[in-house]
Amino acid sequence: MTTISTGVSTACAQNAKLPAETMGSAPGGAIPPGRTMAGGRFNTFKGPAARPLGRRATDHHRSFFPTRTPMSEDLIQQYRVIHGREAYGNTSVKNLPYLLPLLDDLKPASIIDFGCGQSTLADELQRATGARIARYDPAIPKYSVRPEGKFDLLVNVDVLEHVPEDELEPIIADMAALARNAIIIVDMGPAVLILPDGRNAHVTQQNEEWWKQRLGTHFPYLEPIRVRSRRRAAFKTWKTREARPLRHFLIFLKAEIIYRLRKITGRR
C-alpha cells in the first residue's frame, strides 16, 4: 500500500477561469462562485455569511483530496488542521435512508467511502449490509493510505465540487479504477466556507447535466437518484437488478424515522 500525497492545487485554482455562460445559455454552463440562478439570471448568493477557515462552514462538507495526482500539500495541511480542531465532514450520513434501498438491490460485499471525512456513513453501511468497509481521505492521517484492490461499490458524497475542473479527470478515473459500481453525490451550489485565497470552497459549481457528461467518461451508465437535498446531482452507475418498490420503501422509511429521531435528539 502506498501513502499518497494529494490535494487541490492552489495555483491551478487561482488561474482557472470560469466560463461566462449562464446555465440558461448552454448545457453545463458554470455558476460563478457566490452566485445562484433565479429567473434565468445570476443573483448574489444570499446564504449565511462566509466563515473563516477552521470554523464549521456547512453541515455537508467532507474532505476532498481523493486522488493520486500530486497537488498542493499546503492545502491538505489546512484541512488536516480543521479535522484536528472539530468534527468536520461528518454529516453525509443524512443520505443513509436514500442509500440503503440501493444497497439492498446491489448487495455489495465490499464498499469504499472515497473522501470519507469524519463521517460515520461507512460504519452505518457496514452495519446495514455486513460488507467489508474501507475509507480513504488523505487529509485524515489514519485514512490517508489509498486502499488497493477492487471494491464492489464506491461511495463519494460531497467531494468532487471541491476539485478544480482541470483536475477532475484523474480523480474520476481513479474512482472508476477502484470500484465496479459507484454512488456519486455532488453539491451544485456555492459553499459557505471561503478559502484563505478568497475562493469559494466549492471551486467547481456546475449543473446536473454537466456532471453527468463529465462522470460519463469513466462511468458509461449513470442513473439519477434521489437524495436529501435537491441541490445535489446524484447518480448510481448500475441498472436496478430487481424492482422491489414495497421492500425498498420500507427500508427507506425505517432509516428515515431513525434519522429524524436522531436529529431531534441532537444525534446524527
C-alpha atoms as a PDB file:
ATOM      1  CA  MET A   1       0.000   0.000   0.000  1.00  0.00           C
ATOM      2  CA  THR A   2       1.264   3.440  -0.858  1.00  0.00           C
ATOM      3  CA  THR A   3       0.860   6.671   1.066  1.00  0.00           C
ATOM      4  CA  ILE A   4      -0.471   9.316  -1.280  1.00  0.00           C
ATOM      5  CA  SER A   5       0.415  12.995  -1.174  1.00  0.00           C
ATOM      6  CA  THR A   6      -2.603  14.745  -2.634  1.00  0.00           C
ATOM      7  CA  GLY A   7      -4.647  17.922  -2.541  1.00  0.00           C
ATOM      8  CA  VAL A   8      -6.073  20.653  -4.714  1.00  0.00           C
ATOM      9  CA  SER A   9      -3.554  22.842  -6.454  1.00  0.00           C
ATOM     10  CA  THR A  10      -3.970  26.368  -5.210  1.00  0.00           C
ATOM     11  CA  ALA A  11      -2.085  27.777  -8.152  1.00  0.00           C
ATOM     12  CA  CYS A  12      -4.245  25.891 -10.666  1.00  0.00           C
ATOM     13  CA  ALA A  13      -7.415  27.007  -8.953  1.00  0.00           C
ATOM     14  CA  GLN A  14      -6.339  30.638  -8.888  1.00  0.00           C
ATOM     15  CA  ASN A  15      -5.525  30.573 -12.595  1.00  0.00           C
ATOM     16  CA  ALA A  16      -8.690  28.703 -13.595  1.00  0.00           C
ATOM     17  CA  LYS A  17     -11.260  30.863 -15.366  1.00  0.00           C
ATOM     18  CA  LEU A  18     -14.945  30.002 -15.081  1.00  0.00           C
ATOM     19  CA  PRO A  19     -16.948  30.183 -18.317  1.00  0.00           C
ATOM     20  CA  ALA A  20     -19.049  33.300 -18.767  1.00  0.00           C
ATOM     21  CA  GLU A  21     -22.163  31.425 -19.921  1.00  0.00           C
ATOM     22  CA  THR A  22     -25.205  31.194 -17.732  1.00  0.00           C
ATOM     23  CA  MET A  23     -26.889  27.885 -17.149  1.00  0.00           C
ATOM     24  CA  GLY A  24     -29.727  29.073 -19.366  1.00  0.00           C
ATOM     25  CA  SER A  25     -27.468  29.721 -22.330  1.00  0.00           C
ATOM     26  CA  ALA A  26     -25.783  26.343 -22.692  1.00  0.00           C
ATOM     27  CA  PRO A  27     -25.883  22.915 -21.060  1.00  0.00           C
ATOM     28  CA  GLY A  28     -23.216  22.687 -18.400  1.00  0.00           C
ATOM     29  CA  GLY A  29     -22.754  26.451 -18.085  1.00  0.00           C
ATOM     30  CA  ALA A  30     -20.757  27.371 -14.998  1.00  0.00           C
ATOM     31  CA  ILE A  31     -22.211  29.062 -11.944  1.00  0.00           C
ATOM     32  CA  PRO A  32     -19.770  31.708 -10.744  1.00  0.00           C
ATOM     33  CA  PRO A  33     -18.754  31.301  -7.084  1.00  0.00           C
ATOM     34  CA  GLY A  34     -21.109  33.107  -4.744  1.00  0.00           C
ATOM     35  CA  ARG A  35     -23.961  33.186  -7.276  1.00  0.00           C
ATOM     36  CA  THR A  36     -27.205  31.275  -7.709  1.00  0.00           C
ATOM     37  CA  MET A  37     -29.707  31.025 -10.566  1.00  0.00           C
ATOM     38  CA  ALA A  38     -33.066  32.821 -10.339  1.00  0.00           C
ATOM     39  CA  GLY A  39     -35.300  33.722 -13.239  1.00  0.00           C
ATOM     40  CA  GLY A  40     -32.578  32.804 -15.745  1.00  0.00           C
ATOM     41  CA  ARG A  41     -30.143  35.301 -14.218  1.00  0.00           C
ATOM     42  CA  PHE A  42     -27.309  35.033 -11.751  1.00  0.00           C
ATOM     43  CA  ASN A  43     -28.052  36.538  -8.358  1.00  0.00           C
ATOM     44  CA  THR A  44     -25.666  37.096  -5.498  1.00  0.00           C
ATOM     45  CA  PHE A  45     -25.821  34.184  -3.077  1.00  0.00           C
ATOM     46  CA  LYS A  46     -27.892  35.197  -0.073  1.00  0.00           C
ATOM     47  CA  GLY A  47     -26.855  32.357   2.200  1.00  0.00           C
ATOM     48  CA  PRO A  48     -25.093  32.651   5.564  1.00  0.00           C
ATOM     49  CA  ALA A  49     -22.042  34.844   5.752  1.00  0.00           C
ATOM     50  CA  ALA A  50     -18.738  33.183   4.933  1.00  0.00           C
ATOM     51  CA  ARG A  51     -16.772  31.953   7.912  1.00  0.00           C
ATOM     52  CA  PRO A  52     -13.028  31.776   8.334  1.00  0.00           C
ATOM     53  CA  LEU A  53     -11.147  28.591   7.596  1.00  0.00           C
ATOM     54  CA  GLY A  54     -11.026  26.321  10.620  1.00  0.00           C
ATOM     55  CA  ARG A  55     -14.605  27.001  11.736  1.00  0.00           C
ATOM     56  CA  ARG A  56     -17.636  24.979  10.731  1.00  0.00           C
ATOM     57  CA  ALA A  57     -18.992  26.011   7.363  1.00  0.00           C
ATOM     58  CA  THR A  58     -21.921  23.979   6.052  1.00  0.00           C
ATOM     59  CA  ASP A  59     -23.138  20.738   7.544  1.00  0.00           C
ATOM     60  CA  HIS A  60     -22.461  18.719   4.417  1.00  0.00           C
ATOM     61  CA  HIS A  61     -18.794  19.358   3.726  1.00  0.00           C
ATOM     62  CA  ARG A  62     -16.453  16.455   3.529  1.00  0.00           C
ATOM     63  CA  SER A  63     -12.754  16.285   2.881  1.00  0.00           C
ATOM     64  CA  PHE A  64     -11.898  16.497  -0.795  1.00  0.00           C
ATOM     65  CA  PHE A  65      -8.458  15.237  -1.715  1.00  0.00           C
ATOM     66  CA  PRO A  66      -9.127  11.779  -3.181  1.00  0.00           C
ATOM     67  CA  THR A  67      -6.592  11.352  -5.973  1.00  0.00           C
ATOM     68  CA  ARG A  68      -3.130  10.024  -6.721  1.00  0.00           C
ATOM     69  CA  THR A  69      -2.262  13.202  -8.599  1.00  0.00           C
ATOM     70  CA  PRO A  70       0.352  15.273  -6.699  1.00  0.00           C
ATOM     71  CA  MET A  71      -1.214  18.565  -5.645  1.00  0.00           C
ATOM     72  CA  SER A  72      -0.782  21.238  -3.020  1.00  0.00           C
ATOM     73  CA  GLU A  73       0.427  19.767   0.251  1.00  0.00           C
ATOM     74  CA  ASP A  74      -0.246  23.160   1.844  1.00  0.00           C
ATOM     75  CA  LEU A  75      -3.986  22.867   1.194  1.00  0.00           C
ATOM     76  CA  ILE A  76      -4.086  19.325   2.529  1.00  0.00           C
ATOM     77  CA  GLN A  77      -2.411  20.568   5.696  1.00  0.00           C
ATOM     78  CA  GLN A  78      -5.057  23.263   6.147  1.00  0.00           C
ATOM     79  CA  TYR A  79      -7.772  20.633   6.154  1.00  0.00           C
ATOM     80  CA  ARG A  80      -5.776  18.404   8.475  1.00  0.00           C
ATOM     81  CA  VAL A  81      -5.821  21.288  10.939  1.00  0.00           C
ATOM     82  CA  ILE A  82      -9.595  21.628  10.564  1.00  0.00           C
ATOM     83  CA  HIS A  83     -10.133  17.915  11.150  1.00  0.00           C
ATOM     84  CA  GLY A  84      -7.943  18.149  14.232  1.00  0.00           C
ATOM     85  CA  ARG A  85      -9.960  21.003  15.688  1.00  0.00           C
ATOM     86  CA  GLU A  86     -13.549  19.946  15.131  1.00  0.00           C
ATOM     87  CA  ALA A  87     -15.975  17.354  13.837  1.00  0.00           C
ATOM     88  CA  TYR A  88     -15.772  18.298  10.159  1.00  0.00           C
ATOM     89  CA  GLY A  89     -17.246  16.486   7.188  1.00  0.00           C
ATOM     90  CA  ASN A  90     -19.348  14.245   9.383  1.00  0.00           C
ATOM     91  CA  THR A  91     -22.918  14.606   8.165  1.00  0.00           C
ATOM     92  CA  SER A  92     -23.144  12.644   4.915  1.00  0.00           C
ATOM     93  CA  VAL A  93     -24.994  10.037   6.967  1.00  0.00           C
ATOM     94  CA  LYS A  94     -28.119  12.168   6.407  1.00  0.00           C
ATOM     95  CA  ASN A  95     -28.342  10.467   2.997  1.00  0.00           C
ATOM     96  CA  LEU A  96     -28.401   6.994   4.540  1.00  0.00           C
ATOM     97  CA  PRO A  97     -32.180   6.447   4.120  1.00  0.00           C
ATOM     98  CA  TYR A  98     -31.794   7.074   0.390  1.00  0.00           C
ATOM     99  CA  LEU A  99     -28.734   4.857   0.021  1.00  0.00           C
ATOM    100  CA  LEU A 100     -29.884   1.744   1.859  1.00  0.00           C
ATOM    101  CA  PRO A 101     -32.542   0.697  -0.698  1.00  0.00           C
ATOM    102  CA  LEU A 102     -29.893   0.999  -3.434  1.00  0.00           C
ATOM    103  CA  LEU A 103     -27.522  -1.222  -1.484  1.00  0.00           C
ATOM    104  CA  ASP A 104     -30.291  -3.734  -0.898  1.00  0.00           C
ATOM    105  CA  ASP A 105     -30.570  -4.008  -4.680  1.00  0.00           C
ATOM    106  CA  LEU A 106     -26.821  -4.158  -5.388  1.00  0.00           C
ATOM    107  CA  LYS A 107     -25.804  -6.267  -2.364  1.00  0.00           C
ATOM    108  CA  PRO A 108     -22.120  -5.232  -2.358  1.00  0.00           C
ATOM    109  CA  ALA A 109     -19.658  -7.392  -0.418  1.00  0.00           C
ATOM    110  CA  SER A 110     -17.138  -4.533  -0.204  1.00  0.00           C
ATOM    111  CA  ILE A 111     -17.542  -0.743  -0.034  1.00  0.00           C
ATOM    112  CA  ILE A 112     -15.067   2.150  -0.095  1.00  0.00           C
ATOM    113  CA  ASP A 113     -16.009   5.615   1.185  1.00  0.00           C
ATOM    114  CA  PHE A 114     -13.853   7.767  -1.108  1.00  0.00           C
ATOM    115  CA  GLY A 115     -13.204  11.140   0.557  1.00  0.00           C
ATOM    116  CA  CYS A 116     -14.762   9.995   3.814  1.00  0.00           C
ATOM    117  CA  GLY A 117     -14.018  12.933   6.107  1.00  0.00           C
ATOM    118  CA  GLN A 118     -15.070  12.177   9.670  1.00  0.00           C
ATOM    119  CA  SER A 119     -18.411  10.754   8.616  1.00  0.00           C
ATOM    120  CA  THR A 120     -19.890   7.652  10.227  1.00  0.00           C
ATOM    121  CA  LEU A 121     -21.506   6.738   6.905  1.00  0.00           C
ATOM    122  CA  ALA A 122     -19.156   3.803   6.332  1.00  0.00           C
ATOM    123  CA  ASP A 123     -19.991   2.388   9.766  1.00  0.00           C
ATOM    124  CA  GLU A 124     -23.711   2.666   9.069  1.00  0.00           C
ATOM    125  CA  LEU A 125     -23.329   0.969   5.681  1.00  0.00           C
ATOM    126  CA  GLN A 126     -21.358  -1.859   7.243  1.00  0.00           C
ATOM    127  CA  ARG A 127     -23.939  -2.295   9.982  1.00  0.00           C
ATOM    128  CA  ALA A 128     -26.737  -2.458   7.417  1.00  0.00           C
ATOM    129  CA  THR A 129     -25.051  -4.697   4.830  1.00  0.00           C
ATOM    130  CA  GLY A 130     -22.261  -6.610   6.573  1.00  0.00           C
ATOM    131  CA  ALA A 131     -19.948  -5.527   3.745  1.00  0.00           C
ATOM    132  CA  ARG A 132     -16.188  -5.107   4.106  1.00  0.00           C
ATOM    133  CA  ILE A 133     -15.551  -1.373   4.511  1.00  0.00           C
ATOM    134  CA  ALA A 134     -12.599   0.827   3.573  1.00  0.00           C
ATOM    135  CA  ARG A 135     -12.128   4.576   3.974  1.00  0.00           C
ATOM    136  CA  TYR A 136      -9.904   6.956   2.075  1.00  0.00           C
ATOM    137  CA  ASP A 137      -9.129  10.586   2.887  1.00  0.00           C
ATOM    138  CA  PRO A 138      -5.581  11.962   2.629  1.00  0.00           C
ATOM    139  CA  ALA A 139      -6.454  14.863   4.954  1.00  0.00           C
ATOM    140  CA  ILE A 140      -7.031  12.418   7.812  1.00  0.00           C
ATOM    141  CA  PRO A 141      -3.829  10.543   8.752  1.00  0.00           C
ATOM    142  CA  LYS A 142      -5.478   7.240   9.668  1.00  0.00           C
ATOM    143  CA  TYR A 143      -7.311   7.136   6.310  1.00  0.00           C
ATOM    144  CA  SER A 144      -4.562   8.670   4.173  1.00  0.00           C
ATOM    145  CA  VAL A 145      -3.270   5.452   2.615  1.00  0.00           C
ATOM    146  CA  ARG A 146      -5.181   4.679  -0.553  1.00  0.00           C
ATOM    147  CA  PRO A 147      -6.659   1.159  -0.370  1.00  0.00           C
ATOM    148  CA  GLU A 148      -5.654  -1.258  -3.094  1.00  0.00           C
ATOM    149  CA  GLY A 149      -7.782  -3.763  -4.931  1.00  0.00           C
ATOM    150  CA  LYS A 150     -11.254  -3.539  -6.427  1.00  0.00           C
ATOM    151  CA  PHE A 151     -14.405  -2.855  -4.437  1.00  0.00           C
ATOM    152  CA  ASP A 152     -17.993  -3.753  -5.283  1.00  0.00           C
ATOM    153  CA  LEU A 153     -19.146  -0.213  -4.507  1.00  0.00           C
ATOM    154  CA  LEU A 154     -17.579   3.222  -4.160  1.00  0.00           C
ATOM    155  CA  VAL A 155     -19.487   5.916  -2.258  1.00  0.00           C
ATOM    156  CA  ASN A 156     -18.479   9.515  -2.990  1.00  0.00           C
ATOM    157  CA  VAL A 157     -20.519  12.192  -1.210  1.00  0.00           C
ATOM    158  CA  ASP A 158     -19.924  15.963  -1.479  1.00  0.00           C
ATOM    159  CA  VAL A 159     -16.366  15.605  -2.701  1.00  0.00           C
ATOM    160  CA  LEU A 160     -15.942  16.458  -6.371  1.00  0.00           C
ATOM    161  CA  GLU A 161     -17.252  20.023  -6.148  1.00  0.00           C
ATOM    162  CA  HIS A 162     -14.138  20.868  -4.125  1.00  0.00           C
ATOM    163  CA  VAL A 163     -11.834  19.939  -7.011  1.00  0.00           C
ATOM    164  CA  PRO A 164     -10.939  22.402  -9.813  1.00  0.00           C
ATOM    165  CA  GLU A 165     -12.368  21.435 -13.185  1.00  0.00           C
ATOM    166  CA  ASP A 166      -8.991  20.879 -14.805  1.00  0.00           C
ATOM    167  CA  GLU A 167      -8.027  18.392 -12.075  1.00  0.00           C
ATOM    168  CA  LEU A 168     -11.177  16.257 -12.069  1.00  0.00           C
ATOM    169  CA  GLU A 169     -10.158  13.800 -14.794  1.00  0.00           C
ATOM    170  CA  PRO A 170      -7.537  11.784 -12.854  1.00  0.00           C
ATOM    171  CA  ILE A 171      -9.768  11.701  -9.776  1.00  0.00           C
ATOM    172  CA  ILE A 172     -12.777  10.324 -11.647  1.00  0.00           C
ATOM    173  CA  ALA A 173     -10.509   7.823 -13.404  1.00  0.00           C
ATOM    174  CA  ASP A 174      -9.135   6.659 -10.054  1.00  0.00           C
ATOM    175  CA  MET A 175     -12.648   6.276  -8.659  1.00  0.00           C
ATOM    176  CA  ALA A 176     -13.629   4.088 -11.605  1.00  0.00           C
ATOM    177  CA  ALA A 177     -10.458   2.026 -11.180  1.00  0.00           C
ATOM    178  CA  LEU A 178     -11.270   1.320  -7.526  1.00  0.00           C
ATOM    179  CA  ALA A 179     -14.817   0.009  -7.840  1.00  0.00           C
ATOM    180  CA  ARG A 180     -17.186  -1.891 -10.092  1.00  0.00           C
ATOM    181  CA  ASN A 181     -20.097   0.372  -9.171  1.00  0.00           C
ATOM    182  CA  ALA A 182     -20.476   3.797  -7.599  1.00  0.00           C
ATOM    183  CA  ILE A 183     -22.881   6.182  -5.908  1.00  0.00           C
ATOM    184  CA  ILE A 184     -21.759   9.750  -6.548  1.00  0.00           C
ATOM    185  CA  ILE A 185     -23.344  12.826  -4.953  1.00  0.00           C
ATOM    186  CA  VAL A 186     -22.159  16.341  -5.843  1.00  0.00           C
ATOM    187  CA  ASP A 187     -23.246  19.712  -4.455  1.00  0.00           C
ATOM    188  CA  MET A 188     -24.088  22.035  -7.353  1.00  0.00           C
ATOM    189  CA  GLY A 189     -24.211  25.307  -5.398  1.00  0.00           C
ATOM    190  CA  PRO A 190     -21.793  27.539  -3.525  1.00  0.00           C
ATOM    191  CA  ALA A 191     -20.366  26.670  -0.137  1.00  0.00           C
ATOM    192  CA  VAL A 192     -20.496  28.881   2.940  1.00  0.00           C
ATOM    193  CA  LEU A 193     -16.794  28.279   3.509  1.00  0.00           C
ATOM    194  CA  ILE A 194     -14.415  30.721   1.810  1.00  0.00           C
ATOM    195  CA  LEU A 195     -10.800  29.595   1.480  1.00  0.00           C
ATOM    196  CA  PRO A 196      -7.926  31.852   2.601  1.00  0.00           C
ATOM    197  CA  ASP A 197      -7.122  32.791  -1.013  1.00  0.00           C
ATOM    198  CA  GLY A 198     -10.656  34.118  -1.467  1.00  0.00           C
ATOM    199  CA  ARG A 199     -12.108  31.198  -3.439  1.00  0.00           C
ATOM    200  CA  ASN A 200     -15.381  29.589  -2.562  1.00  0.00           C
ATOM    201  CA  ALA A 201     -14.646  26.089  -1.231  1.00  0.00           C
ATOM    202  CA  HIS A 202     -16.852  24.686  -3.999  1.00  0.00           C
ATOM    203  CA  VAL A 203     -14.416  25.556  -6.739  1.00  0.00           C
ATOM    204  CA  THR A 204     -16.434  23.640  -9.336  1.00  0.00           C
ATOM    205  CA  GLN A 205     -20.104  24.649  -9.457  1.00  0.00           C
ATOM    206  CA  GLN A 206     -21.926  23.023 -12.354  1.00  0.00           C
ATOM    207  CA  ASN A 207     -25.371  21.674 -13.129  1.00  0.00           C
ATOM    208  CA  GLU A 208     -26.522  18.071 -13.193  1.00  0.00           C
ATOM    209  CA  GLU A 209     -26.143  17.601 -16.942  1.00  0.00           C
ATOM    210  CA  TRP A 210     -22.563  18.879 -16.823  1.00  0.00           C
ATOM    211  CA  TRP A 211     -21.674  16.436 -14.076  1.00  0.00           C
ATOM    212  CA  LYS A 212     -23.346  13.580 -15.920  1.00  0.00           C
ATOM    213  CA  GLN A 213     -21.263  14.276 -19.007  1.00  0.00           C
ATOM    214  CA  ARG A 214     -18.056  14.616 -17.001  1.00  0.00           C
ATOM    215  CA  LEU A 215     -18.586  11.434 -14.992  1.00  0.00           C
ATOM    216  CA  GLY A 216     -19.741   9.578 -18.095  1.00  0.00           C
ATOM    217  CA  THR A 217     -16.219   9.483 -19.484  1.00  0.00           C
ATOM    218  CA  HIS A 218     -15.460   6.727 -16.940  1.00  0.00           C
ATOM    219  CA  PHE A 219     -18.911   5.562 -15.819  1.00  0.00           C
ATOM    220  CA  PRO A 220     -20.860   4.642 -19.001  1.00  0.00           C
ATOM    221  CA  TYR A 221     -24.172   4.134 -17.183  1.00  0.00           C
ATOM    222  CA  LEU A 222     -25.393   6.914 -14.898  1.00  0.00           C
ATOM    223  CA  GLU A 223     -28.885   6.928 -13.437  1.00  0.00           C
ATOM    224  CA  PRO A 224     -30.077   9.919 -11.387  1.00  0.00           C
ATOM    225  CA  ILE A 225     -31.106   9.045  -7.844  1.00  0.00           C
ATOM    226  CA  ARG A 226     -32.996  10.907  -5.166  1.00  0.00           C
ATOM    227  CA  VAL A 227     -31.091  12.215  -2.140  1.00  0.00           C
ATOM    228  CA  ARG A 228     -31.997  14.553   0.696  1.00  0.00           C
ATOM    229  CA  SER A 229     -31.070  17.858  -0.949  1.00  0.00           C
ATOM    230  CA  ARG A 230     -32.345  18.946  -4.341  1.00  0.00           C
ATOM    231  CA  ARG A 231     -29.176  20.979  -4.730  1.00  0.00           C
ATOM    232  CA  ARG A 232     -27.264  17.774  -5.326  1.00  0.00           C
ATOM    233  CA  ALA A 233     -26.514  15.980  -8.565  1.00  0.00           C
ATOM    234  CA  ALA A 234     -26.674  12.310  -7.584  1.00  0.00           C
ATOM    235  CA  PHE A 235     -26.136   9.161  -9.627  1.00  0.00           C
ATOM    236  CA  LYS A 236     -25.757   5.418  -9.380  1.00  0.00           C
ATOM    237  CA  THR A 237     -23.793   3.504 -12.003  1.00  0.00           C
ATOM    238  CA  TRP A 238     -25.794   0.281 -12.343  1.00  0.00           C
ATOM    239  CA  LYS A 239     -29.213  -0.707 -13.609  1.00  0.00           C
ATOM    240  CA  THR A 240     -31.705  -1.837 -10.980  1.00  0.00           C
ATOM    241  CA  ARG A 241     -31.391  -5.595 -10.702  1.00  0.00           C
ATOM    242  CA  GLU A 242     -34.755  -6.354  -9.115  1.00  0.00           C
ATOM    243  CA  ALA A 243     -37.604  -3.866  -8.728  1.00  0.00           C
ATOM    244  CA  ARG A 244     -38.945  -4.292  -5.199  1.00  0.00           C
ATOM    245  CA  PRO A 245     -40.720  -0.992  -4.502  1.00  0.00           C
ATOM    246  CA  LEU A 246     -42.547  -2.012  -1.322  1.00  0.00           C
ATOM    247  CA  ARG A 247     -39.464  -3.587   0.263  1.00  0.00           C
ATOM    248  CA  HIS A 248     -37.292  -0.629  -0.642  1.00  0.00           C
ATOM    249  CA  PHE A 249     -39.855   1.871   0.609  1.00  0.00           C
ATOM    250  CA  LEU A 250     -39.973   0.100   3.979  1.00  0.00           C
ATOM    251  CA  ILE A 251     -36.151   0.134   4.157  1.00  0.00           C
ATOM    252  CA  PHE A 252     -36.203   3.861   3.421  1.00  0.00           C
ATOM    253  CA  LEU A 253     -38.987   4.533   5.918  1.00  0.00           C
ATOM    254  CA  LYS A 254     -37.244   2.743   8.779  1.00  0.00           C
ATOM    255  CA  ALA A 255     -33.954   4.550   8.151  1.00  0.00           C
ATOM    256  CA  GLU A 256     -35.739   7.898   7.761  1.00  0.00           C
ATOM    257  CA  ILE A 257     -37.520   7.527  11.089  1.00  0.00           C
ATOM    258  CA  ILE A 258     -34.229   6.720  12.801  1.00  0.00           C
ATOM    259  CA  TYR A 259     -32.564   9.722  11.123  1.00  0.00           C
ATOM    260  CA  ARG A 260     -35.304  12.120  12.227  1.00  0.00           C
ATOM    261  CA  LEU A 261     -35.283  10.824  15.797  1.00  0.00           C
ATOM    262  CA  ARG A 262     -31.524  11.304  15.945  1.00  0.00           C
ATOM    263  CA  LYS A 263     -31.895  14.800  14.554  1.00  0.00           C
ATOM    264  CA  ILE A 264     -34.470  15.687  17.201  1.00  0.00           C
ATOM    265  CA  THR A 265     -32.224  14.385  19.976  1.00  0.00           C
ATOM    266  CA  GLY A 266     -29.117  16.029  18.543  1.00  0.00           C
ATOM    267  CA  ARG A 267     -27.513  12.798  17.365  1.00  0.00           C
ATOM    268  CA  ARG A 268     -26.677  12.385  13.661  1.00  0.00           C
END
